C-alpha atoms as a PDB file:
ATOM      1  CA  MET A   1      60.670 121.797 347.788  1.00  0.00           C
ATOM      2  CA  ASP A   2      61.461 123.728 344.656  1.00  0.00           C
ATOM      3  CA  LYS A   3      64.954 124.393 345.875  1.00  0.00           C
ATOM      4  CA  ILE A   4      65.503 120.701 346.427  1.00  0.00           C
ATOM      5  CA  LYS A   5      64.370 119.939 342.886  1.00  0.00           C
ATOM      6  CA  LEU A   6      66.597 122.657 341.526  1.00  0.00           C
ATOM      7  CA  MET A   7      69.606 121.358 343.391  1.00  0.00           C
ATOM      8  CA  PHE A   8      68.868 117.836 342.266  1.00  0.00           C
ATOM      9  CA  GLY A   9      68.669 118.985 338.682  1.00  0.00           C
ATOM     10  CA  LEU A  10      71.947 120.817 338.951  1.00  0.00           C
ATOM     11  CA  LEU A  11      73.581 117.721 340.366  1.00  0.00           C
ATOM     12  CA  LEU A  12      72.295 115.680 337.448  1.00  0.00           C
ATOM     13  CA  CYS A  13      73.649 118.178 334.913  1.00  0.00           C
ATOM     14  CA  PHE A  14      76.986 118.315 336.672  1.00  0.00           C
ATOM     15  CA  GLY A  15      77.115 114.560 336.743  1.00  0.00           C
ATOM     16  CA  ALA A  16      76.343 114.376 333.022  1.00  0.00           C
ATOM     17  CA  VAL A  17      79.022 116.884 332.189  1.00  0.00           C
ATOM     18  CA  GLN A  18      81.460 115.076 334.375  1.00  0.00           C
ATOM     19  CA  ALA A  19      80.578 111.853 332.674  1.00  0.00           C
ATOM     20  CA  GLN A  20      81.116 113.375 329.293  1.00  0.00           C
ATOM     21  CA  ASP A  21      84.424 114.748 330.387  1.00  0.00           C
ATOM     22  CA  ASP A  22      85.385 111.351 331.699  1.00  0.00           C
ATOM     23  CA  ILE A  23      84.397 109.777 328.398  1.00  0.00           C
ATOM     24  CA  ALA A  24      86.362 112.356 326.433  1.00  0.00           C
ATOM     25  CA  GLU A  25      89.360 111.945 328.686  1.00  0.00           C
ATOM     26  CA  LYS A  26      89.179 108.208 328.361  1.00  0.00           C
ATOM     27  CA  ALA A  27      88.929 108.568 324.592  1.00  0.00           C
ATOM     28  CA  ASN A  28      91.882 110.897 324.549  1.00  0.00           C
ATOM     29  CA  LYS A  29      93.920 108.486 326.619  1.00  0.00           C
ATOM     30  CA  GLU A  30      93.006 105.655 324.286  1.00  0.00           C
ATOM     31  CA  ALA A  31      93.874 107.797 321.266  1.00  0.00           C
ATOM     32  CA  GLU A  32      97.198 108.718 322.830  1.00  0.00           C
ATOM     33  CA  LYS A  33      97.838 105.096 323.642  1.00  0.00           C
ATOM     34  CA  ALA A  34      96.960 104.083 320.047  1.00  0.00           C
ATOM     35  CA  LEU A  35      99.120 106.867 318.677  1.00  0.00           C
ATOM     36  CA  GLN A  36     101.990 105.727 320.840  1.00  0.00           C
ATOM     37  CA  ALA A  37     101.607 102.158 319.663  1.00  0.00           C
ATOM     38  CA  SER A  38     101.389 103.414 316.080  1.00  0.00           C
ATOM     39  CA  THR A  39     104.504 105.498 316.603  1.00  0.00           C
ATOM     40  CA  ASP A  40     106.382 102.501 318.004  1.00  0.00           C
ATOM     41  CA  LEU A  41     105.398 100.445 314.973  1.00  0.00           C
ATOM     42  CA  THR A  42     106.478 103.323 312.746  1.00  0.00           C
ATOM     43  CA  TYR A  43     109.880 103.344 314.409  1.00  0.00           C
ATOM     44  CA  GLU A  44     110.248  99.592 313.944  1.00  0.00           C
ATOM     45  CA  ALA A  45     109.237  99.914 310.286  1.00  0.00           C
ATOM     46  CA  ASN A  46     111.842 102.621 309.800  1.00  0.00           C
ATOM     47  CA  GLU A  47     114.500 100.286 311.200  1.00  0.00           C
ATOM     48  CA  GLN A  48     113.390  97.449 308.962  1.00  0.00           C
ATOM     49  CA  LEU A  49     113.369  99.730 305.936  1.00  0.00           C
ATOM     50  CA  THR A  50     116.889 100.796 306.751  1.00  0.00           C
ATOM     51  CA  SER A  51     117.839  97.109 306.767  1.00  0.00           C
ATOM     52  CA  ASN A  52     116.295  96.801 303.259  1.00  0.00           C
ATOM     53  CA  ASP A  53     113.500  94.615 304.601  1.00  0.00           C
ATOM     54  CA  PHE A  54     110.795  96.334 302.613  1.00  0.00           C
ATOM     55  CA  ILE A  55     108.160  93.647 303.051  1.00  0.00           C
ATOM     56  CA  THR A  56     108.296  93.689 306.864  1.00  0.00           C
ATOM     57  CA  ALA A  57     108.569  97.469 306.896  1.00  0.00           C
ATOM     58  CA  GLU A  58     105.526  97.857 304.667  1.00  0.00           C
ATOM     59  CA  ALA A  59     103.515  95.515 306.934  1.00  0.00           C
ATOM     60  CA  ASP A  60     104.474  97.448 310.081  1.00  0.00           C
ATOM     61  CA  TYR A  61     103.672 100.786 308.431  1.00  0.00           C
ATOM     62  CA  ARG A  62     100.240  99.469 307.550  1.00  0.00           C
ATOM     63  CA  LYS A  63      99.695  98.278 311.130  1.00  0.00           C
ATOM     64  CA  ALA A  64     100.764 101.652 312.434  1.00  0.00           C
ATOM     65  CA  ILE A  65      98.354 103.434 310.103  1.00  0.00           C
ATOM     66  CA  SER A  66      95.483 101.161 311.128  1.00  0.00           C
ATOM     67  CA  LYS A  67      96.083 101.825 314.838  1.00  0.00           C
ATOM     68  CA  SER A  68      95.908 105.618 314.625  1.00  0.00           C
ATOM     69  CA  ASN A  69      94.311 107.985 312.166  1.00  0.00           C
ATOM     70  CA  LYS A  70      96.541 110.741 313.501  1.00  0.00           C
ATOM     71  CA  ASN A  71      99.869 109.182 312.590  1.00  0.00           C
ATOM     72  CA  ALA A  72     100.870 111.286 309.580  1.00  0.00           C
ATOM     73  CA  VAL A  73     104.496 110.162 309.890  1.00  0.00           C
ATOM     74  CA  ALA A  74     103.696 106.498 309.177  1.00  0.00           C
ATOM     75  CA  ARG A  75     101.813 107.485 306.050  1.00  0.00           C
ATOM     76  CA  PHE A  76     104.551 109.845 304.926  1.00  0.00           C
ATOM     77  CA  ASN A  77     107.329 107.287 305.520  1.00  0.00           C
ATOM     78  CA  LEU A  78     105.410 104.549 303.730  1.00  0.00           C
ATOM     79  CA  GLY A  79     104.988 106.977 300.844  1.00  0.00           C
ATOM     80  CA  ASN A  80     108.750 107.466 300.792  1.00  0.00           C
ATOM     81  CA  ALA A  81     109.241 103.697 300.720  1.00  0.00           C
ATOM     82  CA  TYR A  82     107.009 103.423 297.667  1.00  0.00           C
ATOM     83  CA  TYR A  83     108.628 106.459 296.042  1.00  0.00           C
ATOM     84  CA  ASN A  84     112.119 104.931 296.344  1.00  0.00           C
ATOM     85  CA  ARG A  85     110.828 101.774 294.662  1.00  0.00           C
ATOM     86  CA  GLU A  86     109.332 103.959 291.877  1.00  0.00           C
ATOM     87  CA  SER A  87     105.784 102.990 292.797  1.00  0.00           C
ATOM     88  CA  PHE A  88     104.711 106.583 292.284  1.00  0.00           C
ATOM     89  CA  GLY A  89     100.978 105.964 292.253  1.00  0.00           C
ATOM     90  CA  GLU A  90     100.991 104.292 295.677  1.00  0.00           C
ATOM     91  CA  ALA A  91     103.463 106.858 296.992  1.00  0.00           C
ATOM     92  CA  PHE A  92     101.177 109.731 295.970  1.00  0.00           C
ATOM     93  CA  GLY A  93      98.226 108.129 297.777  1.00  0.00           C
ATOM     94  CA  ARG A  94     100.172 107.878 301.026  1.00  0.00           C
ATOM     95  CA  TYR A  95     101.493 111.447 300.713  1.00  0.00           C
ATOM     96  CA  LYS A  96      97.970 112.707 300.232  1.00  0.00           C
ATOM     97  CA  GLU A  97      96.819 110.829 303.360  1.00  0.00           C
ATOM     98  CA  ALA A  98      99.718 112.344 305.274  1.00  0.00           C
ATOM     99  CA  GLY A  99      98.762 115.847 304.175  1.00  0.00           C
ATOM    100  CA  ASP A 100      95.128 115.326 305.182  1.00  0.00           C
ATOM    101  CA  THR A 101      96.133 113.786 308.555  1.00  0.00           C
ATOM    102  CA  ALA A 102      98.886 116.235 309.481  1.00  0.00           C
ATOM    103  CA  GLU A 103      98.030 118.623 312.329  1.00  0.00           C
ATOM    104  CA  ASN A 104     101.070 120.895 312.022  1.00  0.00           C
ATOM    105  CA  LYS A 105     102.436 122.913 309.153  1.00  0.00           C
ATOM    106  CA  GLY A 106     105.753 121.106 309.089  1.00  0.00           C
ATOM    107  CA  GLU A 107     104.131 117.768 308.300  1.00  0.00           C
ATOM    108  CA  LYS A 108     101.806 119.357 305.740  1.00  0.00           C
ATOM    109  CA  HIS A 109     104.732 121.043 304.043  1.00  0.00           C
ATOM    110  CA  LYS A 110     106.635 117.758 303.691  1.00  0.00           C
ATOM    111  CA  ALA A 111     103.569 115.926 302.377  1.00  0.00           C
ATOM    112  CA  PHE A 112     102.791 118.499 299.657  1.00  0.00           C
ATOM    113  CA  HIS A 113     106.465 118.874 298.756  1.00  0.00           C
ATOM    114  CA  ASN A 114     106.756 115.137 298.078  1.00  0.00           C
ATOM    115  CA  MET A 115     103.438 115.155 296.210  1.00  0.00           C
ATOM    116  CA  GLY A 116     105.031 117.731 293.916  1.00  0.00           C
ATOM    117  CA  ASN A 117     107.995 115.381 293.431  1.00  0.00           C
ATOM    118  CA  VAL A 118     105.633 112.597 292.295  1.00  0.00           C
ATOM    119  CA  PHE A 119     104.019 114.944 289.785  1.00  0.00           C
ATOM    120  CA  MET A 120     107.464 115.868 288.468  1.00  0.00           C
ATOM    121  CA  LYS A 121     108.305 112.191 287.960  1.00  0.00           C
ATOM    122  CA  ASN A 122     105.077 111.731 285.997  1.00  0.00           C
ATOM    123  CA  LYS A 123     105.789 114.911 283.961  1.00  0.00           C
ATOM    124  CA  GLU A 124     102.583 116.463 285.282  1.00  0.00           C
ATOM    125  CA  TYR A 125     104.272 119.818 285.672  1.00  0.00           C
ATOM    126  CA  LYS A 126     101.134 121.863 286.090  1.00  0.00           C
ATOM    127  CA  LYS A 127     100.031 119.761 289.085  1.00  0.00           C
ATOM    128  CA  ALA A 128     103.580 119.874 290.450  1.00  0.00           C
ATOM    129  CA  VAL A 129     103.488 123.686 290.424  1.00  0.00           C
ATOM    130  CA  GLU A 130     100.264 123.677 292.462  1.00  0.00           C
ATOM    131  CA  ALA A 131     101.643 121.104 294.955  1.00  0.00           C
ATOM    132  CA  TYR A 132     104.837 123.119 295.557  1.00  0.00           C
ATOM    133  CA  LYS A 133     102.787 126.274 296.019  1.00  0.00           C
ATOM    134  CA  GLN A 134     100.670 124.473 298.617  1.00  0.00           C
ATOM    135  CA  ALA A 135     103.844 123.310 300.383  1.00  0.00           C
ATOM    136  CA  LEU A 136     105.201 126.886 300.472  1.00  0.00           C
ATOM    137  CA  ARG A 137     101.991 128.071 302.150  1.00  0.00           C
ATOM    138  CA  SER A 138     102.911 125.869 305.090  1.00  0.00           C
ATOM    139  CA  ASN A 139     106.625 126.734 305.002  1.00  0.00           C
ATOM    140  CA  PRO A 140     107.494 129.700 302.753  1.00  0.00           C
ATOM    141  CA  ASN A 141     111.149 129.605 303.842  1.00  0.00           C
ATOM    142  CA  ASP A 142     112.044 126.224 302.393  1.00  0.00           C
ATOM    143  CA  ASP A 143     114.661 126.820 299.667  1.00  0.00           C
ATOM    144  CA  GLU A 144     114.359 123.339 298.200  1.00  0.00           C
ATOM    145  CA  THR A 145     110.620 123.784 297.645  1.00  0.00           C
ATOM    146  CA  ARG A 146     111.176 127.168 295.990  1.00  0.00           C
ATOM    147  CA  TYR A 147     113.817 125.663 293.715  1.00  0.00           C
ATOM    148  CA  ASN A 148     111.521 122.798 292.766  1.00  0.00           C
ATOM    149  CA  LEU A 149     108.711 125.257 292.087  1.00  0.00           C
ATOM    150  CA  ALA A 150     110.920 127.296 289.709  1.00  0.00           C
ATOM    151  CA  LEU A 151     112.015 124.090 287.949  1.00  0.00           C
ATOM    152  CA  ALA A 152     108.413 122.906 287.627  1.00  0.00           C
ATOM    153  CA  LYS A 153     107.410 126.232 286.047  1.00  0.00           C
ATOM    154  CA  LYS A 154     110.290 126.018 283.579  1.00  0.00           C
ATOM    155  CA  MET A 155     109.434 122.447 282.626  1.00  0.00           C
ATOM    156  CA  LEU A 156     105.774 123.388 282.278  1.00  0.00           C
ATOM    157  CA  GLU A 157     106.624 126.217 279.880  1.00  0.00           C
ATOM    158  CA  LYS A 158     108.844 123.896 277.837  1.00  0.00           C
ATOM    159  CA  GLN A 159     106.106 121.261 277.768  1.00  0.00           C
ATOM    160  CA  GLN A 160     103.527 123.760 276.582  1.00  0.00           C
ATOM    161  CA  ASP A 161     105.867 124.954 273.820  1.00  0.00           C
ATOM    162  CA  GLU A 162     106.440 121.368 272.701  1.00  0.00           C
ATOM    163  CA  GLN A 163     102.714 120.681 272.731  1.00  0.00           C
ATOM    164  CA  LYS A 164     102.133 123.822 270.705  1.00  0.00           C
ATOM    165  CA  ASN A 165     104.789 122.811 268.182  1.00  0.00           C
ATOM    166  CA  ASP A 166     103.349 119.304 268.005  1.00  0.00           C
ATOM    167  CA  GLN A 167      99.898 120.764 267.440  1.00  0.00           C
ATOM    168  CA  ASN A 168     101.217 123.005 264.674  1.00  0.00           C
ATOM    169  CA  LYS A 169     103.006 120.055 263.129  1.00  0.00           C
ATOM    170  CA  ASP A 170      99.855 117.959 263.321  1.00  0.00           C
ATOM    171  CA  ASN A 171      97.915 120.773 261.661  1.00  0.00           C
ATOM    172  CA  GLU A 172     100.523 121.041 258.919  1.00  0.00           C
ATOM    173  CA  ASP A 173     100.558 117.275 258.412  1.00  0.00           C
ATOM    174  CA  LYS A 174      96.771 117.285 258.290  1.00  0.00           C
ATOM    175  CA  LYS A 175      96.805 120.140 255.781  1.00  0.00           C
ATOM    176  CA  ASP A 176      99.438 118.381 253.663  1.00  0.00           C
ATOM    177  CA  GLN A 177      97.392 115.201 253.759  1.00  0.00           C
ATOM    178  CA  GLU A 178      94.279 117.111 252.708  1.00  0.00           C
ATOM    179  CA  ASN A 179      96.193 118.731 249.829  1.00  0.00           C
ATOM    180  CA  GLU A 180      97.602 115.352 248.836  1.00  0.00           C
ATOM    181  CA  ASP A 181      94.133 113.812 248.894  1.00  0.00           C
ATOM    182  CA  LYS A 182      92.806 116.782 246.906  1.00  0.00           C
ATOM    183  CA  ASP A 183      95.531 116.428 244.276  1.00  0.00           C
ATOM    184  CA  LYS A 184      94.944 112.689 244.132  1.00  0.00           C
ATOM    185  CA  ASN A 185      91.227 113.196 243.626  1.00  0.00           C
ATOM    186  CA  GLN A 186      91.917 115.817 240.963  1.00  0.00           C
ATOM    187  CA  ASP A 187      94.281 113.469 239.153  1.00  0.00           C
ATOM    188  CA  GLN A 188      91.659 110.744 239.304  1.00  0.00           C
ATOM    189  CA  ASN A 189      89.059 113.156 237.949  1.00  0.00           C
ATOM    190  CA  ASN A 190      91.389 114.239 235.149  1.00  0.00           C
ATOM    191  CA  GLU A 191      92.166 110.636 234.331  1.00  0.00           C
ATOM    192  CA  GLY A 192      88.466 109.853 234.338  1.00  0.00           C
ATOM    193  CA  GLY A 193      87.811 112.843 232.047  1.00  0.00           C
ATOM    194  CA  ASP A 194      90.511 111.710 229.636  1.00  0.00           C
ATOM    195  CA  ASN A 195      89.056 108.222 229.628  1.00  0.00           C
ATOM    196  CA  GLU A 196      85.614 109.663 228.993  1.00  0.00           C
ATOM    197  CA  LYS A 197      86.935 111.787 226.129  1.00  0.00           C
ATOM    198  CA  LYS A 198      88.748 108.774 224.768  1.00  0.00           C
ATOM    199  CA  ASP A 199      85.610 106.700 225.026  1.00  0.00           C
ATOM    200  CA  GLU A 200      83.616 109.479 223.359  1.00  0.00           C
ATOM    201  CA  GLY A 201      86.203 109.720 220.584  1.00  0.00           C
ATOM    202  CA  GLU A 202      86.140 105.966 220.080  1.00  0.00           C
ATOM    203  CA  GLN A 203      82.367 105.998 220.139  1.00  0.00           C
ATOM    204  CA  LYS A 204      82.259 108.831 217.565  1.00  0.00           C
ATOM    205  CA  GLU A 205      84.803 107.001 215.431  1.00  0.00           C
ATOM    206  CA  ASP A 206      82.689 103.853 215.617  1.00  0.00           C
ATOM    207  CA  GLU A 207      79.610 105.884 214.687  1.00  0.00           C
ATOM    208  CA  ASN A 208      81.404 107.444 211.736  1.00  0.00           C
ATOM    209  CA  LYS A 209      82.586 104.014 210.690  1.00  0.00           C
ATOM    210  CA  ASP A 210      79.060 102.688 210.967  1.00  0.00           C
ATOM    211  CA  LYS A 211      77.797 105.614 208.894  1.00  0.00           C
ATOM    212  CA  GLY A 212      80.476 104.928 206.307  1.00  0.00           C
ATOM    213  CA  ASP A 213      79.534 101.271 206.153  1.00  0.00           C
ATOM    214  CA  GLN A 214      75.899 102.191 205.834  1.00  0.00           C
ATOM    215  CA  GLY A 215      76.784 104.626 203.009  1.00  0.00           C
ATOM    216  CA  ASP A 216      78.661 101.886 201.154  1.00  0.00           C
ATOM    217  CA  ASN A 217      75.761  99.490 201.536  1.00  0.00           C
ATOM    218  CA  GLY A 218      73.263 102.128 200.388  1.00  0.00           C
ATOM    219  CA  GLU A 219      71.209 101.638 203.555  1.00  0.00           C
ATOM    220  CA  ASN A 220      69.923 104.308 205.870  1.00  0.00           C
ATOM    221  CA  LYS A 221      71.036 107.058 203.482  1.00  0.00           C
ATOM    222  CA  PRO A 222      69.270 110.411 203.579  1.00  0.00           C
ATOM    223  CA  LYS A 223      66.491 110.741 201.028  1.00  0.00           C
ATOM    224  CA  GLU A 224      68.388 113.412 199.118  1.00  0.00           C
ATOM    225  CA  ASN A 225      71.383 111.165 198.747  1.00  0.00           C
ATOM    226  CA  GLN A 226      69.191 108.256 197.793  1.00  0.00           C
ATOM    227  CA  LYS A 227      67.473 110.392 195.178  1.00  0.00           C
ATOM    228  CA  GLY A 228      70.740 111.679 193.815  1.00  0.00           C
ATOM    229  CA  ASP A 229      72.078 108.157 193.620  1.00  0.00           C
ATOM    230  CA  GLY A 230      68.904 107.146 191.780  1.00  0.00           C
ATOM    231  CA  ASP A 231      69.320 109.935 189.228  1.00  0.00           C
ATOM    232  CA  LYS A 232      72.912 109.032 188.785  1.00  0.00           C
ATOM    233  CA  LYS A 233      71.947 105.417 188.292  1.00  0.00           C
ATOM    234  CA  ASN A 234      69.329 106.397 185.676  1.00  0.00           C
ATOM    235  CA  GLU A 235      71.873 108.475 183.825  1.00  0.00           C
ATOM    236  CA  GLN A 236      74.234 105.546 183.842  1.00  0.00           C
ATOM    237  CA  GLU A 237      71.458 103.315 182.459  1.00  0.00           C
ATOM    238  CA  LYS A 238      70.801 105.816 179.639  1.00  0.00           C
ATOM    239  CA  LYS A 239      74.461 105.952 178.700  1.00  0.00           C
ATOM    240  CA  PRO A 240      76.012 102.975 176.986  1.00  0.00           C
ATOM    241  CA  ASN A 241      78.677 101.205 178.916  1.00  0.00           C
ATOM    242  CA  GLU A 242      82.139 102.276 178.034  1.00  0.00           C
ATOM    243  CA  GLY A 243      83.043  98.700 177.398  1.00  0.00           C
ATOM    244  CA  ASP A 244      80.396  98.453 174.623  1.00  0.00           C
ATOM    245  CA  GLN A 245      81.544 101.588 172.801  1.00  0.00           C
ATOM    246  CA  PRO A 246      83.747 101.378 169.674  1.00  0.00           C
ATOM    247  CA  GLU A 247      87.418 101.965 170.091  1.00  0.00           C
ATOM    248  CA  ASP A 248      87.279 105.364 168.378  1.00  0.00           C
ATOM    249  CA  LYS A 249      84.436 106.425 170.666  1.00  0.00           C
ATOM    250  CA  LYS A 250      86.503 105.698 173.727  1.00  0.00           C
ATOM    251  CA  GLN A 251      89.302 107.896 172.465  1.00  0.00           C
ATOM    252  CA  GLN A 252      87.137 110.866 171.591  1.00  0.00           C
ATOM    253  CA  PRO A 253      88.846 114.061 172.607  1.00  0.00           C
ATOM    254  CA  ARG A 254      87.390 116.570 174.895  1.00  0.00           C
ATOM    255  CA  PRO A 255      85.445 119.511 173.346  1.00  0.00           C
ATOM    256  CA  ASN A 256      87.538 122.186 171.588  1.00  0.00           C
ATOM    257  CA  GLN A 257      90.416 119.777 171.188  1.00  0.00           C
ATOM    258  CA  LEU A 258      91.056 117.710 167.913  1.00  0.00           C
ATOM    259  CA  SER A 259      93.090 114.611 167.715  1.00  0.00           C
ATOM    260  CA  GLU A 260      95.781 114.100 165.048  1.00  0.00           C
ATOM    261  CA  GLN A 261      93.526 111.675 163.163  1.00  0.00           C
ATOM    262  CA  GLN A 262      90.699 114.189 163.096  1.00  0.00           C
ATOM    263  CA  ILE A 263      93.034 116.886 161.799  1.00  0.00           C
ATOM    264  CA  GLN A 264      94.291 114.523 159.072  1.00  0.00           C
ATOM    265  CA  ASN A 265      90.767 113.578 158.078  1.00  0.00           C
ATOM    266  CA  LEU A 266      89.765 117.223 158.020  1.00  0.00           C
ATOM    267  CA  LEU A 267      92.687 118.122 155.736  1.00  0.00           C
ATOM    268  CA  GLU A 268      91.866 115.282 153.354  1.00  0.00           C
ATOM    269  CA  ALA A 269      88.226 116.329 153.319  1.00  0.00           C
ATOM    270  CA  MET A 270      89.235 119.899 152.542  1.00  0.00           C
ATOM    271  CA  GLN A 271      91.550 118.715 149.759  1.00  0.00           C
ATOM    272  CA  ASN A 272      88.774 116.585 148.305  1.00  0.00           C
ATOM    273  CA  GLU A 273      86.367 119.483 148.418  1.00  0.00           C
ATOM    274  CA  GLU A 274      88.921 121.723 146.774  1.00  0.00           C
ATOM    275  CA  LYS A 275      89.532 119.113 144.089  1.00  0.00           C
ATOM    276  CA  LYS A 276      85.804 118.773 143.437  1.00  0.00           C
ATOM    277  CA  VAL A 277      85.497 122.540 143.169  1.00  0.00           C
ATOM    278  CA  GLN A 278      88.318 122.681 140.690  1.00  0.00           C
ATOM    279  CA  GLU A 279      86.763 119.887 138.619  1.00  0.00           C
ATOM    280  CA  LYS A 280      83.454 121.719 138.535  1.00  0.00           C
ATOM    281  CA  MET A 281      85.221 124.858 137.486  1.00  0.00           C
ATOM    282  CA  GLU A 282      86.928 123.061 134.597  1.00  0.00           C
ATOM    283  CA  ALA A 283      83.678 121.478 133.552  1.00  0.00           C
ATOM    284  CA  ARG A 284      82.006 124.839 133.404  1.00  0.00           C
ATOM    285  CA  LYS A 285      84.785 126.209 131.239  1.00  0.00           C
ATOM    286  CA  VAL A 286      84.321 123.446 128.723  1.00  0.00           C
ATOM    287  CA  ARG A 287      80.592 123.823 128.562  1.00  0.00           C
ATOM    288  CA  GLY A 288      80.763 127.573 128.301  1.00  0.00           C
ATOM    289  CA  LYS A 289      83.140 127.695 125.278  1.00  0.00           C
ATOM    290  CA  LYS A 290      81.385 129.083 122.128  1.00  0.00           C
ATOM    291  CA  VAL A 291      81.698 127.265 118.838  1.00  0.00           C
ATOM    292  CA  LYS A 292      81.842 129.342 115.762  1.00  0.00           C
ATOM    293  CA  ASN A 293      79.188 128.510 113.137  1.00  0.00           C
ATOM    294  CA  GLU A 294      80.454 128.902 109.741  1.00  0.00           C
ATOM    295  CA  LYS A 295      78.012 130.211 107.202  1.00  0.00           C
ATOM    296  CA  ASP A 296      77.334 128.308 104.111  1.00  0.00           C
ATOM    297  CA  TRP A 297      77.153 131.472 102.184  1.00  0.00           C
END
């Protein structure tokens, strides 16, 4: 009884395996059939593309791609169609699909090589270098890929030098702009300082003018000045006005200096005095003369 059960179980397992194999085989046959149909559509699209019927060719390539996820050629050829029409973004997408779908190194090499070409067109030289390197991993003997890799490296170095020079130029321009702004600000500050000094000078001049006006009006004078002015005023009140003085008073000479009139008057006075003295002298002589008395005897 146990042997019967064992045999029955083995038969069931064998049947399941066989069924799985049948399913896998059927799936493989369907995949091969789909791939064949996709390949046929790819061939037709190639013919249409050769006849410059891009629209029909593009449609057939898309149908071929939808029928089989293993048809790397349809994706690659559609990428070439886009590349020749300078639709580099769409071309790159199809090349990438071809590289992911490809099952042999030859197809991978072509896909990465053309991806590098798209990067070169877009001047993305660093990405182009990596794409060409990836292509050479699948086919290290391809001379065209090696040449493109060397060119991409050279263009990358040139690009980096240009970027460095541009950066240096930008830094210099920025520095020059900062210096220009600094000089402009300094000039504005100097101009503002001059204006302030000018305003201060005008203000001081106005203040001095106001002080002068106040001095003329006798207002807001310091007490000392007011006192001195008062003393001066009192002295002027004590002195007679020059206009009220006699004419000879006005022309009085300064001390230690005699006028001609004074000298003349002094000489006449001296002459008069001398004359008076002489007269007195004569008078004394007359009175002092003795008179002889004659005797009566």
